Amino acid sequence: MKRSEEAVVLAGGLGTRLRSVVSDVPKPLAPVAGRPFLAWLLDRLAGQGVRRVVLATGYLANKVEVEVGSCWSGMEIVYSVESEPLGTGGALMQAIARLQGQSLHVCNGDTWLRFSLRELEQATERQQALAGMALARVPDTARYGAVSVQGDRVLSFQEKGRVGPGFINAGSYFLPARGLDALNSLGSAGAFSLENAFLYPLAGRGQLAATVDTSGFIDIGVPEDYAVAQTLFASARE
């Protein structure tokens, strides 16, 4: 299987929960250890062989384009700008029109996770799944909702509120060509949730692969974790 060299970064959220500490830039540009968070994320993608990134932007989109430009660490950067909030599904559907290849990785512009993009691709191929997702193990799944997994296949998703350790959806996905076809077949227009409309049904049909060989998950979307990120990324620079 040819390696996927394109990625979509979902970077259009309003970031309302973070406004108390970051109000002048969109959430992906929130400064973390002296750099925009998006810079760390793009560096990680470049380091794993991604050569082209579609930034799906919305709120304060112009600031993202000024900061990032059209090239980053050897990657071509293009933009898909929401004129109105489209949700994760609508934003991805719009961004897909800018793709050049037949497969892609997807990640959230406000979450961080260390894992091998290649391993996620391989897990998806082994399962002949329509999509793959990287899972993070956390001490308490209550805030996120738990994910049940067996081997490298997702079995089901549980609602938020279940207390205790487990795996969660970390917002990092892979879609092979057949997965893109399946997503396009939804024919959805406007705003919708990628998770509710696409990923959850795939899990129910046994068509969603997973990798759990991950570490370092953090979601900068809330002030508490944003503060933690400052320390973690500062130590990474040392």
Protein backbone atom coordinates (compact mmCIF):
# COMPACT_ATOMS: atom_id res chain seq x y z
CA MET A 1 0.00 0.00 0.00
CA LYS A 2 1.33 3.40 -0.97
CA ARG A 3 1.82 5.71 1.99
CA SER A 4 -0.63 8.55 2.36
CA GLU A 5 1.06 11.95 2.05
CA GLU A 6 -1.91 14.28 2.57
CA ALA A 7 -3.65 15.44 5.71
CA VAL A 8 -6.56 17.64 6.67
CA VAL A 9 -6.26 19.62 9.91
CA LEU A 10 -9.63 20.68 11.31
CA ALA A 11 -8.79 24.16 12.57
CA GLY A 12 -12.04 26.09 12.32
CA GLY A 13 -13.47 25.84 15.83
CA LEU A 14 -14.60 28.89 17.76
CA GLY A 15 -12.60 27.98 20.86
CA THR A 16 -15.17 29.42 23.25
CA ARG A 17 -13.93 27.40 26.25
CA LEU A 18 -10.44 28.85 25.83
CA ARG A 19 -11.47 32.49 25.43
CA SER A 20 -10.73 33.32 29.07
CA VAL A 21 -7.01 32.82 28.44
CA VAL A 22 -6.66 33.13 24.63
CA SER A 23 -8.95 35.66 22.98
CA ASP A 24 -6.99 37.37 20.21
CA VAL A 25 -6.15 34.39 17.97
CA PRO A 26 -8.01 31.26 16.84
CA LYS A 27 -7.50 28.23 19.05
CA PRO A 28 -4.94 26.46 16.80
CA LEU A 29 -2.70 29.53 17.06
CA ALA A 30 -2.82 29.61 20.86
CA PRO A 31 0.78 30.05 22.03
CA VAL A 32 2.24 26.90 23.58
CA ALA A 33 5.81 27.06 24.89
CA GLY A 34 6.54 30.08 22.73
CA ARG A 35 5.06 28.79 19.47
CA PRO A 36 1.55 28.53 17.99
CA PHE A 37 0.11 25.12 18.85
CA LEU A 38 -0.47 24.54 15.13
CA ALA A 39 3.28 24.84 14.53
CA TRP A 40 3.93 21.84 16.75
CA LEU A 41 1.20 19.90 14.98
CA LEU A 42 2.46 20.71 11.48
CA ASP A 43 6.03 19.80 12.44
CA ARG A 44 4.82 16.39 13.59
CA LEU A 45 3.00 15.77 10.29
CA ALA A 46 6.03 16.84 8.26
CA GLY A 47 8.27 14.58 10.32
CA GLN A 48 6.11 11.58 9.40
CA GLY A 49 6.19 12.10 5.67
CA VAL A 50 3.14 14.23 5.02
CA ARG A 51 3.77 16.43 2.00
CA ARG A 52 0.51 18.34 1.60
CA VAL A 53 -1.88 19.71 4.22
CA VAL A 54 -5.34 21.20 3.83
CA LEU A 55 -6.08 23.51 6.75
CA ALA A 56 -9.84 23.61 7.28
CA THR A 57 -10.26 27.02 8.88
CA GLY A 58 -13.17 29.20 9.93
CA TYR A 59 -12.99 31.54 12.90
CA LEU A 60 -10.26 34.16 12.30
CA ALA A 61 -9.14 32.16 9.26
CA ASN A 62 -7.05 35.03 7.91
CA LYS A 63 -4.80 34.95 10.98
CA VAL A 64 -4.03 31.28 10.38
CA GLU A 65 -3.11 31.94 6.77
CA VAL A 66 -0.85 34.85 7.70
CA GLU A 67 0.92 32.76 10.34
CA VAL A 68 1.35 29.54 8.34
CA GLY A 69 1.52 30.67 4.71
CA SER A 70 1.62 28.30 1.74
CA CYS A 71 4.60 26.15 2.73
CA TRP A 72 5.68 24.64 6.06
CA SER A 73 8.70 22.37 6.61
CA GLY A 74 8.60 21.28 2.99
CA MET A 75 4.81 20.68 2.97
CA GLU A 76 2.45 22.46 0.63
CA ILE A 77 -0.28 24.22 2.63
CA VAL A 78 -3.69 24.97 1.13
CA TYR A 79 -6.83 26.29 2.78
CA SER A 80 -10.49 25.35 2.96
CA VAL A 81 -12.33 28.19 4.68
CA GLU A 82 -15.78 27.78 6.25
CA SER A 83 -18.09 30.72 5.64
CA GLU A 84 -20.21 29.37 8.50
CA PRO A 85 -19.57 26.67 11.11
CA LEU A 86 -19.84 23.26 9.44
CA GLY A 87 -18.97 20.88 12.25
CA THR A 88 -16.27 18.24 11.89
CA GLY A 89 -18.09 16.43 9.11
CA GLY A 90 -19.03 19.44 7.03
CA ALA A 91 -15.58 20.95 7.36
CA LEU A 92 -13.94 17.71 6.24
CA MET A 93 -16.32 17.27 3.32
CA GLN A 94 -15.50 20.77 2.10
CA ALA A 95 -11.75 20.20 2.54
CA ILE A 96 -11.82 16.93 0.59
CA ALA A 97 -12.46 18.95 -2.57
CA ARG A 98 -8.91 20.30 -2.24
CA LEU A 99 -7.26 16.86 -2.11
CA GLN A 100 -4.98 15.57 -4.82
CA GLY A 101 -4.47 11.98 -3.62
CA GLN A 102 -6.71 9.00 -2.89
CA SER A 103 -6.33 8.81 0.90
CA LEU A 104 -5.71 11.14 3.80
CA HIS A 105 -5.06 11.59 7.48
CA VAL A 106 -7.30 13.85 9.54
CA CYS A 107 -6.51 15.50 12.85
CA ASN A 108 -7.99 18.13 15.10
CA GLY A 109 -6.22 21.45 15.30
CA ASP A 110 -6.48 21.54 19.10
CA THR A 111 -5.37 18.05 20.13
CA TRP A 112 -1.97 16.39 20.31
CA LEU A 113 -1.16 12.70 20.15
CA ARG A 114 2.06 10.82 19.45
CA PHE A 115 1.57 7.82 17.17
CA SER A 116 2.75 6.43 13.86
CA LEU A 117 0.66 7.50 10.89
CA ARG A 118 2.00 4.50 9.03
CA GLU A 119 0.87 2.10 11.76
CA LEU A 120 -2.64 3.54 11.57
CA GLU A 121 -2.65 3.04 7.80
CA GLN A 122 -1.49 -0.57 8.23
CA ALA A 123 -4.12 -1.32 10.88
CA THR A 124 -6.81 0.02 8.55
CA GLU A 125 -5.54 -2.18 5.73
CA ARG A 126 -5.32 -5.29 7.93
CA GLN A 127 -8.95 -4.89 8.87
CA GLN A 128 -9.99 -3.83 5.37
CA ALA A 129 -11.80 -1.07 7.22
CA LEU A 130 -13.32 2.09 5.79
CA ALA A 131 -11.51 4.25 8.34
CA GLY A 132 -8.98 4.04 11.13
CA MET A 133 -8.59 6.06 14.31
CA ALA A 134 -5.85 6.54 16.88
CA LEU A 135 -7.03 6.03 20.44
CA ALA A 136 -5.58 7.59 23.58
CA ARG A 137 -5.60 5.90 26.96
CA VAL A 138 -6.57 8.33 29.74
CA PRO A 139 -7.03 7.96 33.52
CA ASP A 140 -10.70 8.99 33.32
CA THR A 141 -12.90 8.80 30.21
CA ALA A 142 -15.83 10.72 31.75
CA ARG A 143 -15.11 14.00 29.94
CA TYR A 144 -14.64 12.40 26.53
CA GLY A 145 -16.68 9.21 26.30
CA ALA A 146 -15.02 5.80 26.19
CA VAL A 147 -14.17 3.66 23.17
CA SER A 148 -14.29 -0.15 23.33
CA VAL A 149 -11.61 -1.82 21.24
CA GLN A 150 -10.51 -5.37 20.50
CA GLY A 151 -7.11 -5.79 18.88
CA ASP A 152 -7.00 -3.17 16.15
CA ARG A 153 -10.76 -2.87 15.67
CA VAL A 154 -13.14 -0.41 17.35
CA LEU A 155 -16.20 -2.19 18.76
CA SER A 156 -18.31 0.65 20.11
CA PHE A 157 -18.47 4.13 21.61
CA GLN A 158 -19.90 5.00 25.04
CA GLU A 159 -21.45 8.29 26.04
CA LYS A 160 -19.61 10.81 28.19
CA GLY A 161 -19.88 10.35 31.92
CA ARG A 162 -18.51 6.85 32.46
CA VAL A 163 -15.86 7.17 35.16
CA GLY A 164 -12.56 5.31 35.09
CA PRO A 165 -9.57 4.64 32.86
CA GLY A 166 -9.92 3.63 29.25
CA PHE A 167 -9.50 4.57 25.62
CA ILE A 168 -10.94 7.68 24.02
CA ASN A 169 -11.26 9.12 20.54
CA ALA A 170 -8.24 11.42 20.21
CA GLY A 171 -9.41 13.11 17.00
CA SER A 172 -6.88 11.49 14.66
CA TYR A 173 -8.15 9.46 11.70
CA PHE A 174 -7.12 7.80 8.45
CA LEU A 175 -9.37 7.42 5.42
CA PRO A 176 -8.29 5.16 2.57
CA ALA A 177 -9.82 5.58 -0.88
CA ARG A 178 -12.78 3.34 -0.06
CA GLY A 179 -13.38 5.36 3.10
CA LEU A 180 -13.45 8.61 1.15
CA ASP A 181 -15.97 7.04 -1.22
CA ALA A 182 -18.12 5.98 1.73
CA LEU A 183 -17.95 9.46 3.25
CA ASN A 184 -18.86 11.10 -0.05
CA SER A 185 -21.79 8.70 -0.42
CA LEU A 186 -23.42 10.32 2.62
CA GLY A 187 -24.21 13.23 0.36
CA SER A 188 -24.37 15.47 3.40
CA ALA A 189 -24.53 19.18 2.81
CA GLY A 190 -24.00 21.83 5.46
CA ALA A 191 -23.01 21.20 9.05
CA PHE A 192 -22.79 17.72 10.53
CA SER A 193 -20.73 15.65 12.95
CA LEU A 194 -18.17 13.31 11.42
CA GLU A 195 -18.29 11.21 14.56
CA ASN A 196 -22.07 10.79 14.76
CA ALA A 197 -22.80 10.47 11.05
CA PHE A 198 -19.83 8.41 9.91
CA LEU A 199 -17.49 6.95 12.52
CA TYR A 200 -20.04 5.63 15.01
CA PRO A 201 -22.00 3.72 12.34
CA LEU A 202 -18.74 2.28 10.96
CA ALA A 203 -17.89 0.88 14.38
CA GLY A 204 -21.31 -0.74 14.59
CA ARG A 205 -20.63 -2.51 11.30
CA GLY A 206 -17.10 -3.59 12.25
CA GLN A 207 -15.55 -1.27 9.67
CA LEU A 208 -13.52 1.02 11.94
CA ALA A 209 -9.89 0.11 12.69
CA ALA A 210 -7.77 1.43 15.54
CA THR A 211 -4.27 1.82 16.83
CA VAL A 212 -3.64 2.06 20.57
CA ASP A 213 0.14 2.41 20.40
CA THR A 214 -0.07 6.09 21.28
CA SER A 215 1.11 8.50 23.97
CA GLY A 216 1.14 12.12 25.06
CA PHE A 217 -2.52 12.98 24.45
CA ILE A 218 -3.53 16.51 25.31
CA ASP A 219 -6.50 18.68 24.37
CA ILE A 220 -5.70 22.39 24.58
CA GLY A 221 -9.37 23.34 24.23
CA VAL A 222 -9.87 23.95 27.96
CA PRO A 223 -7.79 26.29 30.14
CA GLU A 224 -6.62 23.56 32.54
CA ASP A 225 -5.12 21.36 29.82
CA TYR A 226 -3.83 24.38 27.93
CA ALA A 227 -1.79 25.25 31.02
CA VAL A 228 -0.46 21.68 31.23
CA ALA A 229 0.57 21.85 27.57
CA GLN A 230 2.89 24.79 28.31
CA THR A 231 5.02 22.64 30.59
CA LEU A 232 4.96 19.53 28.41
CA PHE A 233 6.00 21.30 25.22
CA ALA A 234 8.56 23.46 26.98
CA SER A 235 10.32 20.31 28.19
CA ALA A 236 10.20 18.93 24.64
CA ARG A 237 12.24 21.89 23.45
CA GLU A 238 14.98 21.37 26.01
